[in-house]
């Protein structure tokens, strides 16, 4: 009985908060990409860009006609920003969780949980995301330091 009740409560929460499977996925990916950034502005920009890119991808992948209004389309001028964001997210993922040669590949569940937790805990965000990334960028500064690191 307990398992059944818990299942019903979870279904109710999902129906209320997830907004549908694709919207939930878009939100999770956008928020997790944002969590890998060090300032509020960078996190907000990352989430917005990912959300808009996901919308554009969904329209294309499902064969829907492009939005009628130009303002609702993903602008080509944002493609370099999306590419840069993707590279930045990949680099930061590797900085935080690159496996040693002795490590076996692990599912990304722990990293996902940490990113999700960092969105609601300043302590987790600071200690597990921001400090390691700042140390990396201080030790290995690229020619073009990301704006959220400065």
N, C-alpha and C. Protein backbone atom coordinates (compact mmCIF):
# COMPACT_ATOMS: atom_id res chain seq x y z
N UNK A 1 0.82 -1.20 0.00
CA UNK A 1 0.00 0.00 0.00
C UNK A 1 0.86 1.26 0.00
N UNK A 2 1.95 1.25 0.78
CA UNK A 2 2.84 2.40 0.86
C UNK A 2 3.42 2.73 -0.51
N UNK A 3 3.94 1.71 -1.19
CA UNK A 3 4.52 1.94 -2.51
C UNK A 3 3.51 2.52 -3.49
N UNK A 4 2.28 2.03 -3.42
CA UNK A 4 1.24 2.53 -4.31
C UNK A 4 0.92 3.99 -4.02
N UNK A 5 0.81 4.34 -2.73
CA UNK A 5 0.54 5.73 -2.36
C UNK A 5 1.68 6.65 -2.78
N UNK A 6 2.89 6.23 -2.53
CA UNK A 6 4.05 7.03 -2.95
C UNK A 6 4.02 7.24 -4.45
N UNK A 7 3.71 6.18 -5.19
CA UNK A 7 3.62 6.29 -6.65
C UNK A 7 2.58 7.31 -7.07
N UNK A 8 1.43 7.29 -6.43
CA UNK A 8 0.37 8.24 -6.77
C UNK A 8 0.80 9.68 -6.45
N UNK A 9 1.47 9.87 -5.32
CA UNK A 9 1.92 11.22 -4.97
C UNK A 9 2.96 11.72 -5.97
N UNK A 10 3.86 10.84 -6.36
CA UNK A 10 4.88 11.23 -7.34
C UNK A 10 4.24 11.58 -8.68
N UNK A 11 3.27 10.77 -9.10
CA UNK A 11 2.57 11.07 -10.35
C UNK A 11 1.88 12.43 -10.25
N UNK A 12 1.26 12.72 -9.12
CA UNK A 12 0.60 14.01 -8.95
C UNK A 12 1.61 15.16 -9.00
N UNK A 13 2.76 14.98 -8.32
CA UNK A 13 3.79 16.01 -8.35
C UNK A 13 4.32 16.23 -9.77
N UNK A 14 4.56 15.13 -10.48
CA UNK A 14 5.04 15.25 -11.85
C UNK A 14 4.02 15.97 -12.72
N UNK A 15 2.76 15.62 -12.56
CA UNK A 15 1.71 16.27 -13.36
C UNK A 15 1.64 17.76 -13.06
N UNK A 16 1.87 18.12 -11.80
CA UNK A 16 1.80 19.52 -11.41
C UNK A 16 3.06 20.29 -11.79
N UNK A 17 4.22 19.69 -11.61
CA UNK A 17 5.48 20.44 -11.71
C UNK A 17 6.30 20.19 -12.97
N UNK A 18 6.16 19.03 -13.60
CA UNK A 18 7.03 18.72 -14.73
C UNK A 18 6.57 19.38 -16.01
N UNK A 19 5.27 19.55 -16.19
CA UNK A 19 4.77 20.19 -17.40
C UNK A 19 4.91 19.33 -18.64
N UNK A 20 4.94 18.05 -18.51
CA UNK A 20 5.09 17.15 -19.66
C UNK A 20 6.52 16.67 -19.79
N UNK A 21 6.67 15.52 -20.40
CA UNK A 21 7.99 14.89 -20.47
C UNK A 21 9.02 15.74 -21.18
N UNK A 22 8.67 16.28 -22.34
CA UNK A 22 9.68 17.05 -23.08
C UNK A 22 10.03 18.34 -22.36
N UNK A 23 9.06 18.98 -21.75
CA UNK A 23 9.36 20.19 -20.99
C UNK A 23 10.23 19.87 -19.78
N UNK A 24 10.00 18.75 -19.15
CA UNK A 24 10.82 18.36 -18.02
C UNK A 24 12.25 18.10 -18.44
N UNK A 25 12.43 17.46 -19.55
CA UNK A 25 13.77 17.20 -20.06
C UNK A 25 14.47 18.50 -20.41
N UNK A 26 13.78 19.38 -21.08
CA UNK A 26 14.35 20.67 -21.43
C UNK A 26 14.77 21.43 -20.17
N UNK A 27 13.92 21.43 -19.19
CA UNK A 27 14.22 22.12 -17.93
C UNK A 27 15.44 21.52 -17.25
N UNK A 28 15.47 20.20 -17.16
CA UNK A 28 16.61 19.55 -16.50
C UNK A 28 17.92 19.86 -17.21
N UNK A 29 17.92 19.72 -18.51
CA UNK A 29 19.15 19.97 -19.26
C UNK A 29 19.56 21.44 -19.12
N UNK A 30 18.60 22.34 -19.25
CA UNK A 30 18.90 23.77 -19.12
C UNK A 30 19.42 24.12 -17.73
N UNK A 31 18.80 23.57 -16.71
CA UNK A 31 19.23 23.88 -15.36
C UNK A 31 20.59 23.26 -15.05
N UNK A 32 20.83 22.08 -15.54
CA UNK A 32 22.13 21.45 -15.29
C UNK A 32 23.24 22.16 -16.04
N UNK A 33 22.97 22.61 -17.25
CA UNK A 33 23.97 23.41 -17.97
C UNK A 33 24.23 24.71 -17.21
N UNK A 34 23.18 25.31 -16.71
CA UNK A 34 23.32 26.55 -15.95
C UNK A 34 24.13 26.34 -14.67
N UNK A 35 23.93 25.21 -14.03
CA UNK A 35 24.61 24.93 -12.77
C UNK A 35 26.13 24.88 -12.93
N UNK A 36 26.61 24.66 -14.13
CA UNK A 36 28.04 24.59 -14.39
C UNK A 36 28.66 25.97 -14.62
N UNK A 37 27.90 27.03 -14.39
CA UNK A 37 28.39 28.38 -14.57
C UNK A 37 28.51 29.08 -13.22
N UNK A 38 29.32 30.13 -13.17
CA UNK A 38 29.74 30.68 -11.89
C UNK A 38 29.04 31.96 -11.46
N UNK A 39 28.28 32.58 -12.34
CA UNK A 39 27.56 33.80 -11.95
C UNK A 39 26.09 33.66 -12.30
N UNK A 40 25.29 34.47 -11.65
CA UNK A 40 23.85 34.43 -11.94
C UNK A 40 23.57 34.77 -13.40
N UNK A 41 24.24 35.79 -13.93
CA UNK A 41 24.01 36.17 -15.33
C UNK A 41 24.37 35.03 -16.28
N UNK A 42 25.50 34.38 -16.03
CA UNK A 42 25.92 33.27 -16.90
C UNK A 42 24.96 32.09 -16.78
N UNK A 43 24.49 31.81 -15.58
CA UNK A 43 23.54 30.71 -15.40
C UNK A 43 22.22 31.01 -16.10
N UNK A 44 21.74 32.24 -15.95
CA UNK A 44 20.49 32.63 -16.61
C UNK A 44 20.63 32.57 -18.12
N UNK A 45 21.73 33.08 -18.65
CA UNK A 45 21.96 33.04 -20.10
C UNK A 45 22.06 31.61 -20.61
N UNK A 46 22.76 30.75 -19.86
CA UNK A 46 22.92 29.35 -20.29
C UNK A 46 21.57 28.64 -20.34
N UNK A 47 20.78 28.80 -19.30
CA UNK A 47 19.47 28.14 -19.26
C UNK A 47 18.58 28.64 -20.39
N UNK A 48 18.57 29.93 -20.62
CA UNK A 48 17.75 30.51 -21.68
C UNK A 48 18.17 29.99 -23.06
N UNK A 49 19.45 29.97 -23.29
CA UNK A 49 19.95 29.51 -24.59
C UNK A 49 19.64 28.03 -24.81
N UNK A 50 19.84 27.21 -23.80
CA UNK A 50 19.53 25.78 -23.92
C UNK A 50 18.04 25.57 -24.17
N UNK A 51 17.21 26.29 -23.44
CA UNK A 51 15.76 26.15 -23.60
C UNK A 51 15.34 26.52 -25.03
N UNK A 52 15.86 27.62 -25.53
CA UNK A 52 15.50 28.04 -26.88
C UNK A 52 16.04 27.07 -27.92
N UNK A 53 17.22 26.54 -27.70
CA UNK A 53 17.79 25.56 -28.62
C UNK A 53 16.99 24.26 -28.61
N UNK A 54 16.57 23.83 -27.43
CA UNK A 54 15.74 22.64 -27.32
C UNK A 54 14.43 22.81 -28.08
N UNK A 55 13.83 23.99 -27.96
CA UNK A 55 12.59 24.26 -28.67
C UNK A 55 12.81 24.16 -30.17
N UNK A 56 13.88 24.76 -30.65
CA UNK A 56 14.19 24.71 -32.08
C UNK A 56 14.45 23.28 -32.54
N UNK A 57 15.19 22.52 -31.73
CA UNK A 57 15.47 21.12 -32.06
C UNK A 57 14.19 20.30 -32.13
N UNK A 58 13.31 20.52 -31.19
CA UNK A 58 12.05 19.77 -31.16
C UNK A 58 11.20 20.07 -32.39
N UNK A 59 11.13 21.32 -32.77
CA UNK A 59 10.36 21.69 -33.95
C UNK A 59 10.93 20.99 -35.18
N UNK A 60 12.24 21.00 -35.29
CA UNK A 60 12.89 20.37 -36.45
C UNK A 60 12.74 18.84 -36.40
N UNK A 61 13.03 18.26 -35.27
CA UNK A 61 13.02 16.79 -35.15
C UNK A 61 11.64 16.19 -35.35
N UNK A 62 10.61 16.94 -34.99
CA UNK A 62 9.25 16.41 -35.11
C UNK A 62 8.56 16.85 -36.39
N UNK A 63 9.29 17.55 -37.24
CA UNK A 63 8.75 17.92 -38.54
C UNK A 63 7.69 19.01 -38.49
N UNK A 64 7.67 19.77 -37.42
CA UNK A 64 6.70 20.87 -37.31
C UNK A 64 7.18 22.04 -38.16
N UNK A 65 6.25 22.83 -38.66
CA UNK A 65 6.67 24.01 -39.40
C UNK A 65 7.37 24.99 -38.46
N UNK A 66 8.32 25.77 -38.96
CA UNK A 66 8.98 26.74 -38.10
C UNK A 66 7.99 27.77 -37.60
N UNK A 67 8.28 28.38 -36.46
CA UNK A 67 7.37 29.40 -35.93
C UNK A 67 7.12 30.51 -36.96
N UNK A 68 5.91 31.00 -36.99
CA UNK A 68 5.54 32.04 -37.95
C UNK A 68 6.24 33.35 -37.64
N UNK A 69 6.37 33.66 -36.37
CA UNK A 69 6.99 34.92 -35.97
C UNK A 69 8.50 34.77 -35.89
N UNK A 70 9.20 35.69 -36.49
CA UNK A 70 10.66 35.68 -36.49
C UNK A 70 11.22 35.67 -35.06
N UNK A 71 10.59 36.40 -34.16
CA UNK A 71 11.07 36.48 -32.78
C UNK A 71 11.00 35.14 -32.06
N UNK A 72 10.18 34.21 -32.55
CA UNK A 72 10.04 32.90 -31.92
C UNK A 72 11.01 31.86 -32.46
N UNK A 73 11.79 32.23 -33.48
CA UNK A 73 12.76 31.30 -34.07
C UNK A 73 14.11 31.43 -33.38
N UNK A 74 14.88 30.35 -33.43
CA UNK A 74 16.24 30.39 -32.91
C UNK A 74 17.10 31.10 -33.94
N UNK A 75 17.66 32.25 -33.60
CA UNK A 75 18.39 33.02 -34.61
C UNK A 75 19.75 32.41 -34.93
N UNK A 76 20.10 32.44 -36.17
CA UNK A 76 21.41 31.93 -36.60
C UNK A 76 22.54 32.65 -35.88
N UNK A 77 22.30 33.90 -35.53
CA UNK A 77 23.33 34.68 -34.83
C UNK A 77 23.64 34.11 -33.44
N UNK A 78 22.75 33.27 -32.89
CA UNK A 78 23.01 32.65 -31.59
C UNK A 78 23.76 31.33 -31.71
N UNK A 79 23.98 30.86 -32.92
CA UNK A 79 24.68 29.58 -33.09
C UNK A 79 26.09 29.60 -32.50
N UNK A 80 26.88 30.65 -32.70
CA UNK A 80 28.20 30.66 -32.05
C UNK A 80 28.11 30.63 -30.52
N UNK A 81 27.11 31.30 -29.96
CA UNK A 81 26.93 31.27 -28.50
C UNK A 81 26.57 29.86 -28.03
N UNK A 82 25.73 29.17 -28.82
CA UNK A 82 25.36 27.81 -28.46
C UNK A 82 26.57 26.88 -28.55
N UNK A 83 27.36 27.04 -29.58
CA UNK A 83 28.58 26.22 -29.72
C UNK A 83 29.52 26.49 -28.55
N UNK A 84 29.72 27.76 -28.21
CA UNK A 84 30.60 28.12 -27.10
C UNK A 84 30.06 27.55 -25.78
N UNK A 85 28.77 27.65 -25.58
CA UNK A 85 28.16 27.09 -24.38
C UNK A 85 28.39 25.58 -24.31
N UNK A 86 28.20 24.91 -25.43
CA UNK A 86 28.40 23.45 -25.47
C UNK A 86 29.83 23.09 -25.12
N UNK A 87 30.79 23.78 -25.70
CA UNK A 87 32.20 23.52 -25.39
C UNK A 87 32.49 23.80 -23.91
N UNK A 88 31.95 24.90 -23.41
CA UNK A 88 32.17 25.27 -22.01
C UNK A 88 31.60 24.20 -21.07
N UNK A 89 30.40 23.73 -21.37
CA UNK A 89 29.79 22.69 -20.53
C UNK A 89 30.61 21.41 -20.58
N UNK A 90 31.04 21.01 -21.77
CA UNK A 90 31.85 19.79 -21.89
C UNK A 90 33.16 19.92 -21.12
N UNK A 91 33.84 21.06 -21.26
CA UNK A 91 35.10 21.27 -20.55
C UNK A 91 34.88 21.22 -19.05
N UNK A 92 33.87 21.91 -18.58
CA UNK A 92 33.64 21.97 -17.14
C UNK A 92 33.24 20.60 -16.59
N UNK A 93 32.49 19.84 -17.37
CA UNK A 93 32.15 18.47 -16.96
C UNK A 93 33.45 17.67 -16.79
N UNK A 94 34.34 17.77 -17.76
CA UNK A 94 35.60 17.03 -17.70
C UNK A 94 36.48 17.49 -16.54
N UNK A 95 36.52 18.79 -16.29
CA UNK A 95 37.30 19.31 -15.18
C UNK A 95 36.78 18.74 -13.86
N UNK A 96 35.48 18.70 -13.72
CA UNK A 96 34.89 18.25 -12.47
C UNK A 96 34.88 16.74 -12.31
N UNK A 97 34.72 16.00 -13.42
CA UNK A 97 34.48 14.57 -13.29
C UNK A 97 35.25 13.70 -14.27
N UNK A 98 36.39 14.15 -14.74
CA UNK A 98 37.17 13.29 -15.64
C UNK A 98 37.67 12.07 -14.85
N UNK A 99 37.45 10.88 -15.37
CA UNK A 99 37.88 9.68 -14.64
C UNK A 99 39.39 9.47 -14.74
N UNK A 100 39.96 8.87 -13.71
CA UNK A 100 41.35 8.43 -13.77
C UNK A 100 41.42 7.19 -14.66
N UNK A 101 42.63 6.82 -15.04
CA UNK A 101 42.79 5.61 -15.87
C UNK A 101 42.26 4.38 -15.15
N UNK A 102 42.37 4.36 -13.82
CA UNK A 102 41.92 3.20 -13.05
C UNK A 102 40.41 3.17 -12.84
N UNK A 103 39.75 4.29 -13.03
CA UNK A 103 38.30 4.36 -12.82
C UNK A 103 37.56 3.66 -13.94
N UNK A 104 36.50 3.00 -13.56
CA UNK A 104 35.60 2.39 -14.54
C UNK A 104 34.55 3.42 -14.91
N UNK A 105 34.09 3.41 -16.15
CA UNK A 105 33.02 4.35 -16.51
C UNK A 105 31.81 4.13 -15.61
N UNK A 106 31.26 5.23 -15.13
CA UNK A 106 30.11 5.20 -14.25
C UNK A 106 28.95 5.93 -14.91
N UNK A 107 27.73 5.53 -14.57
CA UNK A 107 26.60 6.31 -15.06
C UNK A 107 26.70 7.73 -14.51
N UNK A 108 26.11 8.67 -15.21
CA UNK A 108 26.21 10.07 -14.83
C UNK A 108 25.22 10.47 -13.75
N UNK A 109 24.54 9.53 -13.15
CA UNK A 109 23.51 9.83 -12.17
C UNK A 109 24.05 10.66 -11.01
N UNK A 110 25.23 10.32 -10.50
CA UNK A 110 25.78 11.07 -9.37
C UNK A 110 26.06 12.52 -9.76
N UNK A 111 26.60 12.73 -10.95
CA UNK A 111 26.88 14.09 -11.40
C UNK A 111 25.58 14.87 -11.58
N UNK A 112 24.58 14.22 -12.15
CA UNK A 112 23.28 14.88 -12.33
C UNK A 112 22.69 15.27 -10.99
N UNK A 113 22.76 14.38 -10.02
CA UNK A 113 22.22 14.68 -8.70
C UNK A 113 22.97 15.84 -8.05
N UNK A 114 24.29 15.87 -8.23
CA UNK A 114 25.07 16.96 -7.67
C UNK A 114 24.71 18.30 -8.33
N UNK A 115 24.56 18.30 -9.65
CA UNK A 115 24.16 19.53 -10.33
C UNK A 115 22.78 19.98 -9.87
N UNK A 116 21.85 19.06 -9.77
CA UNK A 116 20.51 19.41 -9.30
C UNK A 116 20.57 19.97 -7.87
N UNK A 117 21.35 19.34 -7.03
CA UNK A 117 21.48 19.77 -5.63
C UNK A 117 22.13 21.15 -5.56
N UNK A 118 23.07 21.42 -6.45
CA UNK A 118 23.76 22.71 -6.43
C UNK A 118 22.83 23.88 -6.74
N UNK A 119 21.70 23.58 -7.36
CA UNK A 119 20.74 24.64 -7.68
C UNK A 119 19.97 25.11 -6.44
N UNK A 120 19.95 24.29 -5.40
CA UNK A 120 19.21 24.68 -4.21
C UNK A 120 20.10 24.84 -2.98
N UNK A 121 21.36 24.51 -3.11
CA UNK A 121 22.28 24.63 -1.97
C UNK A 121 23.48 25.46 -2.37
N UNK A 122 23.61 26.64 -1.78
CA UNK A 122 24.78 27.49 -2.05
C UNK A 122 26.05 26.77 -1.63
N UNK A 123 26.00 26.02 -0.54
CA UNK A 123 27.18 25.30 -0.07
C UNK A 123 27.64 24.28 -1.11
N UNK A 124 26.72 23.49 -1.62
CA UNK A 124 27.08 22.48 -2.63
C UNK A 124 27.60 23.17 -3.89
N UNK A 125 26.92 24.21 -4.33
CA UNK A 125 27.36 24.93 -5.54
C UNK A 125 28.77 25.47 -5.35
N UNK A 126 29.02 26.07 -4.21
CA UNK A 126 30.33 26.68 -3.95
C UNK A 126 31.43 25.63 -3.85
N UNK A 127 31.21 24.62 -3.03
CA UNK A 127 32.27 23.63 -2.76
C UNK A 127 32.49 22.62 -3.88
N UNK A 128 31.43 22.19 -4.55
CA UNK A 128 31.54 21.11 -5.51
C UNK A 128 31.61 21.57 -6.97
N UNK A 129 31.19 22.80 -7.25
CA UNK A 129 31.18 23.28 -8.63
C UNK A 129 32.10 24.49 -8.78
N UNK A 130 31.80 25.55 -8.07
CA UNK A 130 32.48 26.82 -8.29
C UNK A 130 33.96 26.78 -7.89
N UNK A 131 34.27 26.32 -6.69
CA UNK A 131 35.67 26.31 -6.25
C UNK A 131 36.56 25.45 -7.14
N UNK A 132 36.17 24.23 -7.48
CA UNK A 132 37.03 23.44 -8.38
C UNK A 132 37.21 24.11 -9.76
N UNK A 133 36.16 24.71 -10.28
CA UNK A 133 36.29 25.37 -11.59
C UNK A 133 37.19 26.60 -11.49
N UNK A 134 37.05 27.38 -10.44
CA UNK A 134 37.91 28.55 -10.27
C UNK A 134 39.37 28.14 -10.13
N UNK A 135 39.64 27.06 -9.37
CA UNK A 135 41.00 26.55 -9.23
C UNK A 135 41.56 26.13 -10.60
N UNK A 136 40.74 25.43 -11.38
CA UNK A 136 41.18 25.01 -12.71
C UNK A 136 41.54 26.21 -13.57
N UNK A 137 40.64 27.18 -13.65
CA UNK A 137 40.90 28.35 -14.50
C UNK A 137 42.07 29.18 -13.99
N UNK A 138 42.30 29.21 -12.68
CA UNK A 138 43.45 29.94 -12.14
C UNK A 138 44.76 29.23 -12.49
N UNK A 139 44.73 27.90 -12.47
CA UNK A 139 45.93 27.11 -12.76
C UNK A 139 46.20 26.99 -14.25
N UNK A 140 45.15 27.02 -15.06
CA UNK A 140 45.28 26.80 -16.50
C UNK A 140 44.45 27.85 -17.24
N UNK A 141 44.84 29.12 -17.14
CA UNK A 141 43.99 30.14 -17.77
C UNK A 141 44.04 30.05 -19.29
N UNK A 142 42.89 29.98 -19.93
CA UNK A 142 42.87 29.98 -21.39
C UNK A 142 43.16 31.39 -21.91
N UNK A 143 43.45 31.49 -23.19
CA UNK A 143 43.71 32.80 -23.79
C UNK A 143 42.50 33.72 -23.65
N UNK A 144 41.30 33.15 -23.74
CA UNK A 144 40.08 33.92 -23.65
C UNK A 144 39.28 33.40 -22.46
N UNK A 145 39.51 34.01 -21.28
CA UNK A 145 38.86 33.56 -20.05
C UNK A 145 37.35 33.80 -20.13
N UNK A 146 36.53 32.77 -19.83
CA UNK A 146 35.07 32.97 -19.86
C UNK A 146 34.65 34.11 -18.93
N UNK A 147 33.65 34.85 -19.33
CA UNK A 147 33.20 36.03 -18.58
C UNK A 147 32.78 35.69 -17.16
N UNK A 148 32.22 34.50 -16.94
CA UNK A 148 31.75 34.18 -15.59
C UNK A 148 32.88 33.81 -14.64
N UNK A 149 34.10 33.67 -15.14
CA UNK A 149 35.24 33.32 -14.32
C UNK A 149 35.98 34.58 -13.87
N UNK A 150 35.91 35.63 -14.67
CA UNK A 150 36.63 36.89 -14.37
C UNK A 150 36.23 37.46 -13.05
